[in-house]
Amino acid sequence: MFKCYFCEEKPRVSYFSNWCEDCANLRRMLLIYSPDKCCGILKRTLTRDEKQIDYKVAQEVKKIVVKKIQQDTTDESYEKPKTRNSK
């Protein structure tokens, strides 16, 4: 079967159509709403600026560090420090 003219990955819906099902839906949305509005929504939701990227990286690093600390404290070779009993 022939490939979609837009994404060039998926097969076209039929011999006489030019797009796959997903690309045809995108085309319909562009016809219903203005292309400027669609592009604006996609840029706001899919594109990240440097500040957002840095924040996301910091959050992922924090998750990894917390997970590593939890693994270290549950490790069997870890001995709790001996402290005085408080009376």
PDB file of N, CA and C in Angstrom:
ATOM      1  N   MET A   1       0.841  -1.177   0.000  1.00  0.00           N
ATOM      2  CA  MET A   1       0.000   0.000   0.000  1.00  0.00           C
ATOM      3  C   MET A   1       0.884   1.237   0.000  1.00  0.00           C
ATOM      4  N   PHE A   2       0.377   2.325  -0.465  1.00  0.00           N
ATOM      5  CA  PHE A   2       1.140   3.566  -0.552  1.00  0.00           C
ATOM      6  C   PHE A   2       1.212   4.243   0.809  1.00  0.00           C
ATOM      7  N   LYS A   3       2.258   5.032   1.014  1.00  0.00           N
ATOM      8  CA  LYS A   3       2.451   5.710   2.291  1.00  0.00           C
ATOM      9  C   LYS A   3       1.816   7.088   2.271  1.00  0.00           C
ATOM     10  N   CYS A   4       1.518   7.572   3.484  1.00  0.00           N
ATOM     11  CA  CYS A   4       0.904   8.882   3.682  1.00  0.00           C
ATOM     12  C   CYS A   4       1.826   9.974   3.139  1.00  0.00           C
ATOM     13  N   TYR A   5       1.246  10.983   2.502  1.00  0.00           N
ATOM     14  CA  TYR A   5       2.049  12.078   1.966  1.00  0.00           C
ATOM     15  C   TYR A   5       2.578  12.995   3.061  1.00  0.00           C
ATOM     16  N   PHE A   6       1.905  13.036   4.212  1.00  0.00           N
ATOM     17  CA  PHE A   6       2.329  13.947   5.275  1.00  0.00           C
ATOM     18  C   PHE A   6       3.384  13.315   6.174  1.00  0.00           C
ATOM     19  N   CYS A   7       3.062  12.204   6.831  1.00  0.00           N
ATOM     20  CA  CYS A   7       4.007  11.590   7.774  1.00  0.00           C
ATOM     21  C   CYS A   7       4.990  10.642   7.086  1.00  0.00           C
ATOM     22  N   GLU A   8       4.625  10.151   5.947  1.00  0.00           N
ATOM     23  CA  GLU A   8       5.460   9.233   5.161  1.00  0.00           C
ATOM     24  C   GLU A   8       5.840   7.971   5.933  1.00  0.00           C
ATOM     25  N   GLU A   9       4.994   7.571   6.882  1.00  0.00           N
ATOM     26  CA  GLU A   9       5.263   6.361   7.660  1.00  0.00           C
ATOM     27  C   GLU A   9       4.132   5.353   7.555  1.00  0.00           C
ATOM     28  N   LYS A  10       2.912   5.803   7.807  1.00  0.00           N
ATOM     29  CA  LYS A  10       1.758   4.906   7.846  1.00  0.00           C
ATOM     30  C   LYS A  10       1.137   4.784   6.454  1.00  0.00           C
ATOM     31  N   PRO A  11       0.443   3.684   6.215  1.00  0.00           N
ATOM     32  CA  PRO A  11      -0.227   3.527   4.916  1.00  0.00           C
ATOM     33  C   PRO A  11      -1.446   4.437   4.805  1.00  0.00           C
ATOM     34  N   ARG A  12      -1.744   4.834   3.592  1.00  0.00           N
ATOM     35  CA  ARG A  12      -2.911   5.666   3.346  1.00  0.00           C
ATOM     36  C   ARG A  12      -4.175   4.861   3.599  1.00  0.00           C
ATOM     37  N   VAL A  13      -5.273   5.572   3.867  1.00  0.00           N
ATOM     38  CA  VAL A  13      -6.539   4.924   4.186  1.00  0.00           C
ATOM     39  C   VAL A  13      -7.044   4.136   2.978  1.00  0.00           C
ATOM     40  N   SER A  14      -6.970   4.727   1.808  1.00  0.00           N
ATOM     41  CA  SER A  14      -7.397   4.035   0.592  1.00  0.00           C
ATOM     42  C   SER A  14      -6.504   4.462  -0.567  1.00  0.00           C
ATOM     43  N   TYR A  15      -6.718   3.849  -1.696  1.00  0.00           N
ATOM     44  CA  TYR A  15      -5.901   4.151  -2.877  1.00  0.00           C
ATOM     45  C   TYR A  15      -6.070   5.598  -3.311  1.00  0.00           C
ATOM     46  N   PHE A  16      -7.254   6.140  -3.179  1.00  0.00           N
ATOM     47  CA  PHE A  16      -7.545   7.482  -3.666  1.00  0.00           C
ATOM     48  C   PHE A  16      -7.308   8.574  -2.624  1.00  0.00           C
ATOM     49  N   SER A  17      -7.005   8.219  -1.380  1.00  0.00           N
ATOM     50  CA  SER A  17      -6.727   9.238  -0.364  1.00  0.00           C
ATOM     51  C   SER A  17      -5.230   9.521  -0.330  1.00  0.00           C
ATOM     52  N   ASN A  18      -4.890  10.649   0.257  1.00  0.00           N
ATOM     53  CA  ASN A  18      -3.484  11.050   0.312  1.00  0.00           C
ATOM     54  C   ASN A  18      -2.869  10.894   1.696  1.00  0.00           C
ATOM     55  N   TRP A  19      -3.723  10.723   2.733  1.00  0.00           N
ATOM     56  CA  TRP A  19      -3.235  10.722   4.097  1.00  0.00           C
ATOM     57  C   TRP A  19      -3.646   9.464   4.849  1.00  0.00           C
ATOM     58  N   CYS A  20      -2.900   9.184   5.911  1.00  0.00           N
ATOM     59  CA  CYS A  20      -3.300   8.112   6.830  1.00  0.00           C
ATOM     60  C   CYS A  20      -4.406   8.659   7.738  1.00  0.00           C
ATOM     61  N   GLU A  21      -4.941   7.821   8.594  1.00  0.00           N
ATOM     62  CA  GLU A  21      -6.063   8.232   9.426  1.00  0.00           C
ATOM     63  C   GLU A  21      -5.688   9.362  10.388  1.00  0.00           C
ATOM     64  N   ASP A  22      -4.513   9.268  11.034  1.00  0.00           N
ATOM     65  CA  ASP A  22      -4.087  10.302  11.985  1.00  0.00           C
ATOM     66  C   ASP A  22      -3.842  11.637  11.294  1.00  0.00           C
ATOM     67  N   CYS A  23      -3.159  11.609  10.170  1.00  0.00           N
ATOM     68  CA  CYS A  23      -2.872  12.851   9.448  1.00  0.00           C
ATOM     69  C   CYS A  23      -4.152  13.464   8.876  1.00  0.00           C
ATOM     70  N   ALA A  24      -5.109  12.627   8.490  1.00  0.00           N
ATOM     71  CA  ALA A  24      -6.394  13.141   8.016  1.00  0.00           C
ATOM     72  C   ALA A  24      -7.123  13.857   9.147  1.00  0.00           C
ATOM     73  N   ASN A  25      -7.032  13.323  10.385  1.00  0.00           N
ATOM     74  CA  ASN A  25      -7.633  14.000  11.537  1.00  0.00           C
ATOM     75  C   ASN A  25      -6.953  15.339  11.805  1.00  0.00           C
ATOM     76  N   LEU A  26      -5.637  15.366  11.689  1.00  0.00           N
ATOM     77  CA  LEU A  26      -4.917  16.632  11.862  1.00  0.00           C
ATOM     78  C   LEU A  26      -5.348  17.647  10.808  1.00  0.00           C
ATOM     79  N   ARG A  27      -5.492  17.212   9.596  1.00  0.00           N
ATOM     80  CA  ARG A  27      -5.916  18.103   8.516  1.00  0.00           C
ATOM     81  C   ARG A  27      -7.315  18.648   8.789  1.00  0.00           C
ATOM     82  N   ARG A  28      -8.209  17.810   9.275  1.00  0.00           N
ATOM     83  CA  ARG A  28      -9.567  18.267   9.610  1.00  0.00           C
ATOM     84  C   ARG A  28      -9.546  19.312  10.713  1.00  0.00           C
ATOM     85  N   MET A  29      -8.699  19.106  11.712  1.00  0.00           N
ATOM     86  CA  MET A  29      -8.594  20.085  12.794  1.00  0.00           C
ATOM     87  C   MET A  29      -8.057  21.410  12.286  1.00  0.00           C
ATOM     88  N   LEU A  30      -7.115  21.348  11.353  1.00  0.00           N
ATOM     89  CA  LEU A  30      -6.600  22.590  10.763  1.00  0.00           C
ATOM     90  C   LEU A  30      -7.662  23.310   9.946  1.00  0.00           C
ATOM     91  N   LEU A  31      -8.576  22.558   9.351  1.00  0.00           N
ATOM     92  CA  LEU A  31      -9.648  23.181   8.587  1.00  0.00           C
ATOM     93  C   LEU A  31     -10.727  23.762   9.504  1.00  0.00           C
ATOM     94  N   ILE A  32     -10.991  23.088  10.621  1.00  0.00           N
ATOM     95  CA  ILE A  32     -12.014  23.559  11.556  1.00  0.00           C
ATOM     96  C   ILE A  32     -11.527  24.804  12.294  1.00  0.00           C
ATOM     97  N   TYR A  33     -10.334  24.724  12.866  1.00  0.00           N
ATOM     98  CA  TYR A  33      -9.750  25.847  13.592  1.00  0.00           C
ATOM     99  C   TYR A  33      -8.726  26.503  12.682  1.00  0.00           C
ATOM    100  N   SER A  34      -8.279  27.670  13.025  1.00  0.00           N
ATOM    101  CA  SER A  34      -7.278  28.332  12.186  1.00  0.00           C
ATOM    102  C   SER A  34      -5.918  27.658  12.385  1.00  0.00           C
ATOM    103  N   PRO A  35      -5.097  27.612  11.351  1.00  0.00           N
ATOM    104  CA  PRO A  35      -3.757  27.011  11.503  1.00  0.00           C
ATOM    105  C   PRO A  35      -2.923  27.724  12.568  1.00  0.00           C
ATOM    106  N   ASP A  36      -3.113  29.055  12.706  1.00  0.00           N
ATOM    107  CA  ASP A  36      -2.368  29.793  13.733  1.00  0.00           C
ATOM    108  C   ASP A  36      -2.737  29.307  15.133  1.00  0.00           C
ATOM    109  N   LYS A  37      -4.033  29.077  15.359  1.00  0.00           N
ATOM    110  CA  LYS A  37      -4.490  28.608  16.664  1.00  0.00           C
ATOM    111  C   LYS A  37      -3.948  27.212  16.945  1.00  0.00           C
ATOM    112  N   CYS A  38      -3.999  26.328  15.953  1.00  0.00           N
ATOM    113  CA  CYS A  38      -3.483  24.958  16.127  1.00  0.00           C
ATOM    114  C   CYS A  38      -1.980  24.970  16.406  1.00  0.00           C
ATOM    115  N   CYS A  39      -1.243  25.762  15.662  1.00  0.00           N
ATOM    116  CA  CYS A  39       0.215  25.841  15.876  1.00  0.00           C
ATOM    117  C   CYS A  39       0.525  26.424  17.251  1.00  0.00           C
ATOM    118  N   GLY A  40      -0.240  27.416  17.683  1.00  0.00           N
ATOM    119  CA  GLY A  40      -0.035  28.005  19.004  1.00  0.00           C
ATOM    120  C   GLY A  40      -0.246  26.993  20.104  1.00  0.00           C
ATOM    121  N   ILE A  41      -1.305  26.210  19.991  1.00  0.00           N
ATOM    122  CA  ILE A  41      -1.584  25.175  20.998  1.00  0.00           C
ATOM    123  C   ILE A  41      -0.468  24.135  21.019  1.00  0.00           C
ATOM    124  N   LEU A  42      -0.037  23.699  19.853  1.00  0.00           N
ATOM    125  CA  LEU A  42       1.039  22.703  19.794  1.00  0.00           C
ATOM    126  C   LEU A  42       2.342  23.249  20.359  1.00  0.00           C
ATOM    127  N   LYS A  43       2.662  24.498  20.078  1.00  0.00           N
ATOM    128  CA  LYS A  43       3.891  25.095  20.612  1.00  0.00           C
ATOM    129  C   LYS A  43       3.836  25.204  22.132  1.00  0.00           C
ATOM    130  N   ARG A  44       2.673  25.593  22.678  1.00  0.00           N
ATOM    131  CA  ARG A  44       2.536  25.719  24.133  1.00  0.00           C
ATOM    132  C   ARG A  44       2.612  24.371  24.830  1.00  0.00           C
ATOM    133  N   THR A  45       2.074  23.338  24.216  1.00  0.00           N
ATOM    134  CA  THR A  45       1.997  22.043  24.894  1.00  0.00           C
ATOM    135  C   THR A  45       3.174  21.123  24.597  1.00  0.00           C
ATOM    136  N   LEU A  46       3.750  21.201  23.426  1.00  0.00           N
ATOM    137  CA  LEU A  46       4.798  20.248  23.057  1.00  0.00           C
ATOM    138  C   LEU A  46       6.211  20.819  23.120  1.00  0.00           C
ATOM    139  N   THR A  47       6.346  22.113  23.010  1.00  0.00           N
ATOM    140  CA  THR A  47       7.673  22.726  22.984  1.00  0.00           C
ATOM    141  C   THR A  47       8.015  23.228  24.378  1.00  0.00           C
ATOM    142  N   ARG A  48       9.229  22.947  24.815  1.00  0.00           N
ATOM    143  CA  ARG A  48       9.675  23.397  26.132  1.00  0.00           C
ATOM    144  C   ARG A  48      10.809  24.395  25.965  1.00  0.00           C
ATOM    145  N   ASP A  49      10.830  25.411  26.851  1.00  0.00           N
ATOM    146  CA  ASP A  49      11.952  26.345  26.824  1.00  0.00           C
ATOM    147  C   ASP A  49      13.045  25.842  27.782  1.00  0.00           C
ATOM    148  N   GLU A  50      14.149  26.564  27.853  1.00  0.00           N
ATOM    149  CA  GLU A  50      15.306  26.112  28.641  1.00  0.00           C
ATOM    150  C   GLU A  50      14.979  25.983  30.129  1.00  0.00           C
ATOM    151  N   LYS A  51      14.194  26.905  30.665  1.00  0.00           N
ATOM    152  CA  LYS A  51      13.841  26.865  32.084  1.00  0.00           C
ATOM    153  C   LYS A  51      13.038  25.603  32.402  1.00  0.00           C
ATOM    154  N   GLN A  52      12.082  25.265  31.540  1.00  0.00           N
ATOM    155  CA  GLN A  52      11.275  24.073  31.746  1.00  0.00           C
ATOM    156  C   GLN A  52      12.116  22.807  31.625  1.00  0.00           C
ATOM    157  N   ILE A  53      13.049  22.785  30.687  1.00  0.00           N
ATOM    158  CA  ILE A  53      13.927  21.626  30.509  1.00  0.00           C
ATOM    159  C   ILE A  53      14.801  21.437  31.748  1.00  0.00           C
ATOM    160  N   ASP A  54      15.384  22.537  32.249  1.00  0.00           N
ATOM    161  CA  ASP A  54      16.227  22.445  33.441  1.00  0.00           C
ATOM    162  C   ASP A  54      15.437  21.948  34.646  1.00  0.00           C
ATOM    163  N   TYR A  55      14.218  22.441  34.806  1.00  0.00           N
ATOM    164  CA  TYR A  55      13.378  22.014  35.911  1.00  0.00           C
ATOM    165  C   TYR A  55      13.080  20.519  35.814  1.00  0.00           C
ATOM    166  N   LYS A  56      12.743  20.052  34.619  1.00  0.00           N
ATOM    167  CA  LYS A  56      12.423  18.635  34.424  1.00  0.00           C
ATOM    168  C   LYS A  56      13.646  17.760  34.704  1.00  0.00           C
ATOM    169  N   VAL A  57      14.815  18.179  34.248  1.00  0.00           N
ATOM    170  CA  VAL A  57      16.043  17.420  34.502  1.00  0.00           C
ATOM    171  C   VAL A  57      16.318  17.357  36.004  1.00  0.00           C
ATOM    172  N   ALA A  58      16.146  18.486  36.693  1.00  0.00           N
ATOM    173  CA  ALA A  58      16.378  18.513  38.141  1.00  0.00           C
ATOM    174  C   ALA A  58      15.414  17.574  38.862  1.00  0.00           C
ATOM    175  N   GLN A  59      14.161  17.541  38.442  1.00  0.00           N
ATOM    176  CA  GLN A  59      13.184  16.653  39.065  1.00  0.00           C
ATOM    177  C   GLN A  59      13.551  15.186  38.852  1.00  0.00           C
ATOM    178  N   GLU A  60      14.004  14.841  37.647  1.00  0.00           N
ATOM    179  CA  GLU A  60      14.393  13.455  37.361  1.00  0.00           C
ATOM    180  C   GLU A  60      15.626  13.059  38.164  1.00  0.00           C
ATOM    181  N   VAL A  61      16.598  13.972  38.291  1.00  0.00           N
ATOM    182  CA  VAL A  61      17.795  13.687  39.083  1.00  0.00           C
ATOM    183  C   VAL A  61      17.414  13.492  40.538  1.00  0.00           C
ATOM    184  N   LYS A  62      16.497  14.317  41.043  1.00  0.00           N
ATOM    185  CA  LYS A  62      16.046  14.197  42.428  1.00  0.00           C
ATOM    186  C   LYS A  62      15.407  12.830  42.670  1.00  0.00           C
ATOM    187  N   LYS A  63      14.605  12.349  41.715  1.00  0.00           N
ATOM    188  CA  LYS A  63      13.981  11.037  41.848  1.00  0.00           C
ATOM    189  C   LYS A  63      15.035   9.939  41.933  1.00  0.00           C
ATOM    190  N   ILE A  64      16.059  10.040  41.100  1.00  0.00           N
ATOM    191  CA  ILE A  64      17.115   9.032  41.076  1.00  0.00           C
ATOM    192  C   ILE A  64      17.888   9.042  42.388  1.00  0.00           C
ATOM    193  N   VAL A  65      18.202  10.230  42.903  1.00  0.00           N
ATOM    194  CA  VAL A  65      18.955  10.341  44.156  1.00  0.00           C
ATOM    195  C   VAL A  65      18.138   9.779  45.316  1.00  0.00           C
ATOM    196  N   VAL A  66      16.863  10.117  45.381  1.00  0.00           N
ATOM    197  CA  VAL A  66      16.006   9.604  46.455  1.00  0.00           C
ATOM    198  C   VAL A  66      15.914   8.088  46.375  1.00  0.00           C
ATOM    199  N   LYS A  67      15.778   7.558  45.189  1.00  0.00           N
ATOM    200  CA  LYS A  67      15.706   6.107  45.018  1.00  0.00           C
ATOM    201  C   LYS A  67      17.011   5.443  45.468  1.00  0.00           C
ATOM    202  N   LYS A  68      18.136   6.059  45.129  1.00  0.00           N
ATOM    203  CA  LYS A  68      19.441   5.520  45.514  1.00  0.00           C
ATOM    204  C   LYS A  68      19.596   5.543  47.029  1.00  0.00           C
ATOM    205  N   ILE A  69      19.163   6.625  47.673  1.00  0.00           N
ATOM    206  CA  ILE A  69      19.255   6.727  49.131  1.00  0.00           C
ATOM    207  C   ILE A  69      18.382   5.662  49.784  1.00  0.00           C
ATOM    208  N   GLN A  70      17.186   5.461  49.258  1.00  0.00           N
ATOM    209  CA  GLN A  70      16.295   4.441  49.812  1.00  0.00           C
ATOM    210  C   GLN A  70      16.898   3.048  49.668  1.00  0.00           C
ATOM    211  N   GLN A  71      17.557   2.788  48.544  1.00  0.00           N
ATOM    212  CA  GLN A  71      18.198   1.486  48.350  1.00  0.00           C
ATOM    213  C   GLN A  71      19.354   1.306  49.322  1.00  0.00           C
ATOM    214  N   ASP A  72      20.108   2.379  49.562  1.00  0.00           N
ATOM    215  CA  ASP A  72      21.246   2.296  50.476  1.00  0.00           C
ATOM    216  C   ASP A  72      20.793   2.061  51.911  1.00  0.00           C
ATOM    217  N   THR A  73      19.700   2.690  52.316  1.00  0.00           N
ATOM    218  CA  THR A  73      19.250   2.521  53.699  1.00  0.00           C
ATOM    219  C   THR A  73      18.596   1.166  53.926  1.00  0.00           C
ATOM    220  N   THR A  74      18.079   0.562  52.894  1.00  0.00           N
ATOM    221  CA  THR A  74      17.469  -0.761  53.051  1.00  0.00           C
ATOM    222  C   THR A  74      18.479  -1.872  52.811  1.00  0.00           C
ATOM    223  N   ASP A  75      19.679  -1.512  52.470  1.00  0.00           N
ATOM    224  CA  ASP A  75      20.729  -2.504  52.230  1.00  0.00           C
ATOM    225  C   ASP A  75      21.036  -3.250  53.530  1.00  0.00           C
ATOM    226  N   GLU A  76      21.253  -4.561  53.467  1.00  0.00           N
ATOM    227  CA  GLU A  76      21.483  -5.382  54.650  1.00  0.00           C
ATOM    228  C   GLU A  76      22.822  -5.094  55.309  1.00  0.00           C
ATOM    229  N   SER A  77      23.776  -4.592  54.577  1.00  0.00           N
ATOM    230  CA  SER A  77      25.086  -4.321  55.157  1.00  0.00           C
ATOM    231  C   SER A  77      25.098  -3.030  55.972  1.00  0.00           C
ATOM    232  N   TYR A  78      24.020  -2.287  55.922  1.00  0.00           N
ATOM    233  CA  TYR A  78      23.925  -1.031  56.660  1.00  0.00           C
ATOM    234  C   TYR A  78      23.623  -1.303  58.127  1.00  0.00           C
ATOM    235  N   GLU A  79      24.420  -0.711  59.005  1.00  0.00           N
ATOM    236  CA  GLU A  79      24.188  -0.836  60.439  1.00  0.00           C
ATOM    237  C   GLU A  79      23.775   0.527  60.975  1.00  0.00           C
ATOM    238  N   LYS A  80      22.727   0.532  61.770  1.00  0.00           N
ATOM    239  CA  LYS A  80      22.281   1.780  62.363  1.00  0.00           C
ATOM    240  C   LYS A  80      23.301   2.239  63.388  1.00  0.00           C
ATOM    241  N   PRO A  81      23.514   3.537  63.483  1.00  0.00           N
ATOM    242  CA  PRO A  81      24.454   4.028  64.493  1.00  0.00           C
ATOM    243  C   PRO A  81      23.903   3.821  65.901  1.00  0.00           C
ATOM    244  N   LYS A  82      24.792   3.527  66.820  1.00  0.00           N
ATOM    245  CA  LYS A  82      24.370   3.302  68.206  1.00  0.00           C
ATOM    246  C   LYS A  82      24.337   4.657  68.920  1.00  0.00           C
ATOM    247  N   THR A  83      23.227   4.947  69.509  1.00  0.00           N
ATOM    248  CA  THR A  83      23.060   6.219  70.227  1.00  0.00           C
ATOM    249  C   THR A  83      22.603   5.937  71.653  1.00  0.00           C
ATOM    250  N   ARG A  84      22.700   6.966  72.463  1.00  0.00           N
ATOM    251  CA  ARG A  84      22.237   6.835  73.851  1.00  0.00           C
ATOM    252  C   ARG A  84      20.728   6.838  73.889  1.00  0.00           C
ATOM    253  N   ASN A  85      20.182   6.140  74.845  1.00  0.00           N
ATOM    254  CA  ASN A  85      18.742   6.160  75.063  1.00  0.00           C
ATOM    255  C   ASN A  85      18.380   7.452  75.772  1.00  0.00           C
ATOM    256  N   SER A  86      17.363   8.107  75.326  1.00  0.00           N
ATOM    257  CA  SER A  86      16.935   9.338  76.001  1.00  0.00           C
ATOM    258  C   SER A  86      15.922   8.973  77.095  1.00  0.00           C
ATOM    259  N   LYS A  87      16.140   9.482  78.306  1.00  0.00           N
ATOM    260  CA  LYS A  87      15.274   9.175  79.435  1.00  0.00           C
ATOM    261  C   LYS A  87      14.504  10.397  79.858  1.00  0.00           C
TER     262      LYS A  87
END
